[in-house]
Amino acid sequence: MSKYKMGDELSLDDIMESGKDFSTFELKGYKIEGNTAIHPETQEAILLQDILDKIRNVRNEQEKIIAKRKNPSDPLSAVLAINKKR
């Protein structure tokens, strides 16, 4: 289970504290390192605040989705933690 209530909007601080990685609507994956997002293959570094509106799903250390949004205009909301699909 997530430490957030289902439907709570996650802040930038929540993502930095609880997130390990995330995927974007462009289907790019990034690792979270402090306040920076790092693309694992290209090593491209972007400040989280600059990519926050493009995040689709956030995963925690256990690779469970802790937040998601269906559309780019929706808020990034906490969900019940579910297993990452492989």
C-alpha atoms as a PDB file:
ATOM      1  CA  MET A   1       0.000   0.000   0.000  1.00  0.00           C
ATOM      2  CA  SER A   2       1.079   3.531  -0.665  1.00  0.00           C
ATOM      3  CA  LYS A   3       1.548   5.935   2.206  1.00  0.00           C
ATOM      4  CA  TYR A   4      -0.777   8.322   0.394  1.00  0.00           C
ATOM      5  CA  LYS A   5      -4.544   8.211   0.257  1.00  0.00           C
ATOM      6  CA  MET A   6      -5.914   7.291  -3.125  1.00  0.00           C
ATOM      7  CA  GLY A   7      -6.565  10.427  -5.113  1.00  0.00           C
ATOM      8  CA  ASP A   8      -4.193  12.726  -3.190  1.00  0.00           C
ATOM      9  CA  GLU A   9      -2.197  14.942  -5.527  1.00  0.00           C
ATOM     10  CA  LEU A  10       1.537  14.302  -5.164  1.00  0.00           C
ATOM     11  CA  SER A  11       3.822  17.275  -4.775  1.00  0.00           C
ATOM     12  CA  LEU A  12       7.346  17.619  -6.120  1.00  0.00           C
ATOM     13  CA  ASP A  13       8.657  16.940  -2.600  1.00  0.00           C
ATOM     14  CA  ASP A  14       6.539  13.753  -2.354  1.00  0.00           C
ATOM     15  CA  ILE A  15       7.998  12.500  -5.636  1.00  0.00           C
ATOM     16  CA  MET A  16      11.574  13.230  -4.539  1.00  0.00           C
ATOM     17  CA  GLU A  17      10.981  11.513  -1.177  1.00  0.00           C
ATOM     18  CA  SER A  18       9.084   8.403  -2.288  1.00  0.00           C
ATOM     19  CA  GLY A  19       9.802   7.953  -5.996  1.00  0.00           C
ATOM     20  CA  LYS A  20      12.590   5.884  -7.524  1.00  0.00           C
ATOM     21  CA  ASP A  21      11.740   6.306 -11.191  1.00  0.00           C
ATOM     22  CA  PHE A  22       8.982   7.464 -13.500  1.00  0.00           C
ATOM     23  CA  SER A  23       7.762   7.270 -17.064  1.00  0.00           C
ATOM     24  CA  THR A  24       6.463  10.080 -19.228  1.00  0.00           C
ATOM     25  CA  PHE A  25       3.684  10.353 -21.770  1.00  0.00           C
ATOM     26  CA  GLU A  26       6.431  10.194 -24.438  1.00  0.00           C
ATOM     27  CA  LEU A  27       7.270   6.698 -23.082  1.00  0.00           C
ATOM     28  CA  LYS A  28      10.651   7.771 -21.722  1.00  0.00           C
ATOM     29  CA  GLY A  29      11.801   6.424 -18.383  1.00  0.00           C
ATOM     30  CA  TYR A  30      13.876   8.382 -15.875  1.00  0.00           C
ATOM     31  CA  LYS A  31      15.505   7.615 -12.535  1.00  0.00           C
ATOM     32  CA  ILE A  32      14.954  10.083  -9.727  1.00  0.00           C
ATOM     33  CA  GLU A  33      18.118  11.362  -8.039  1.00  0.00           C
ATOM     34  CA  GLY A  34      17.282  14.117  -5.582  1.00  0.00           C
ATOM     35  CA  ASN A  35      15.628  16.934  -7.529  1.00  0.00           C
ATOM     36  CA  THR A  36      16.908  15.622 -10.875  1.00  0.00           C
ATOM     37  CA  ALA A  37      15.582  13.121 -13.411  1.00  0.00           C
ATOM     38  CA  ILE A  38      18.281  11.061 -15.173  1.00  0.00           C
ATOM     39  CA  HIS A  39      17.628   9.125 -18.377  1.00  0.00           C
ATOM     40  CA  PRO A  40      19.431   5.785 -17.817  1.00  0.00           C
ATOM     41  CA  GLU A  41      20.697   5.358 -21.386  1.00  0.00           C
ATOM     42  CA  THR A  42      21.582   8.896 -22.469  1.00  0.00           C
ATOM     43  CA  GLN A  43      22.411  10.251 -18.984  1.00  0.00           C
ATOM     44  CA  GLU A  44      20.323  13.302 -19.887  1.00  0.00           C
ATOM     45  CA  ALA A  45      19.635  15.238 -16.676  1.00  0.00           C
ATOM     46  CA  ILE A  46      16.508  17.368 -16.214  1.00  0.00           C
ATOM     47  CA  LEU A  47      15.263  19.117 -13.093  1.00  0.00           C
ATOM     48  CA  LEU A  48      12.121  17.374 -11.827  1.00  0.00           C
ATOM     49  CA  GLN A  49      10.271  20.682 -11.691  1.00  0.00           C
ATOM     50  CA  ASP A  50      10.897  21.111 -15.434  1.00  0.00           C
ATOM     51  CA  ILE A  51       9.419  17.711 -16.367  1.00  0.00           C
ATOM     52  CA  LEU A  52       6.729  17.392 -13.676  1.00  0.00           C
ATOM     53  CA  ASP A  53       3.851  18.056 -16.083  1.00  0.00           C
ATOM     54  CA  LYS A  54       5.047  15.257 -18.421  1.00  0.00           C
ATOM     55  CA  ILE A  55       5.174  12.497 -15.759  1.00  0.00           C
ATOM     56  CA  ARG A  56       2.661   9.704 -16.311  1.00  0.00           C
ATOM     57  CA  ASN A  57       3.563   7.115 -13.600  1.00  0.00           C
ATOM     58  CA  VAL A  58       5.847   7.226 -10.555  1.00  0.00           C
ATOM     59  CA  ARG A  59       7.277   4.027  -9.014  1.00  0.00           C
ATOM     60  CA  ASN A  60       8.803   3.479  -5.591  1.00  0.00           C
ATOM     61  CA  GLU A  61      11.785   1.356  -4.478  1.00  0.00           C
ATOM     62  CA  GLN A  62       9.607  -1.777  -4.573  1.00  0.00           C
ATOM     63  CA  GLU A  63       8.775  -0.975  -8.234  1.00  0.00           C
ATOM     64  CA  LYS A  64       5.147  -0.320  -7.347  1.00  0.00           C
ATOM     65  CA  ILE A  65       3.252   2.509  -8.973  1.00  0.00           C
ATOM     66  CA  ILE A  66       2.523   5.125  -6.319  1.00  0.00           C
ATOM     67  CA  ALA A  67       1.130   7.876  -8.568  1.00  0.00           C
ATOM     68  CA  LYS A  68      -0.295   8.196 -12.045  1.00  0.00           C
ATOM     69  CA  ARG A  69      -2.309  10.371 -14.367  1.00  0.00           C
ATOM     70  CA  LYS A  70      -4.329   9.401 -17.420  1.00  0.00           C
ATOM     71  CA  ASN A  71      -3.938  12.645 -19.345  1.00  0.00           C
ATOM     72  CA  PRO A  72      -1.236  15.331 -19.288  1.00  0.00           C
ATOM     73  CA  SER A  73      -3.785  17.872 -18.038  1.00  0.00           C
ATOM     74  CA  ASP A  74      -4.802  15.695 -15.037  1.00  0.00           C
ATOM     75  CA  PRO A  75      -3.154  16.050 -11.611  1.00  0.00           C
ATOM     76  CA  LEU A  76      -0.550  13.437 -10.651  1.00  0.00           C
ATOM     77  CA  SER A  77      -2.562  11.465  -8.103  1.00  0.00           C
ATOM     78  CA  ALA A  78      -1.632   8.812  -5.558  1.00  0.00           C
ATOM     79  CA  VAL A  79      -2.999   5.345  -6.247  1.00  0.00           C
ATOM     80  CA  LEU A  80      -3.095   2.126  -4.342  1.00  0.00           C
ATOM     81  CA  ALA A  81       0.316   0.590  -4.953  1.00  0.00           C
ATOM     82  CA  ILE A  82       0.141  -2.039  -7.656  1.00  0.00           C
ATOM     83  CA  ASN A  83       2.826  -4.309  -9.017  1.00  0.00           C
ATOM     84  CA  LYS A  84       4.825  -3.039 -11.955  1.00  0.00           C
ATOM     85  CA  LYS A  85       3.863  -4.888 -15.114  1.00  0.00           C
ATOM     86  CA  ARG A  86       6.807  -6.497 -16.865  1.00  0.00           C
END
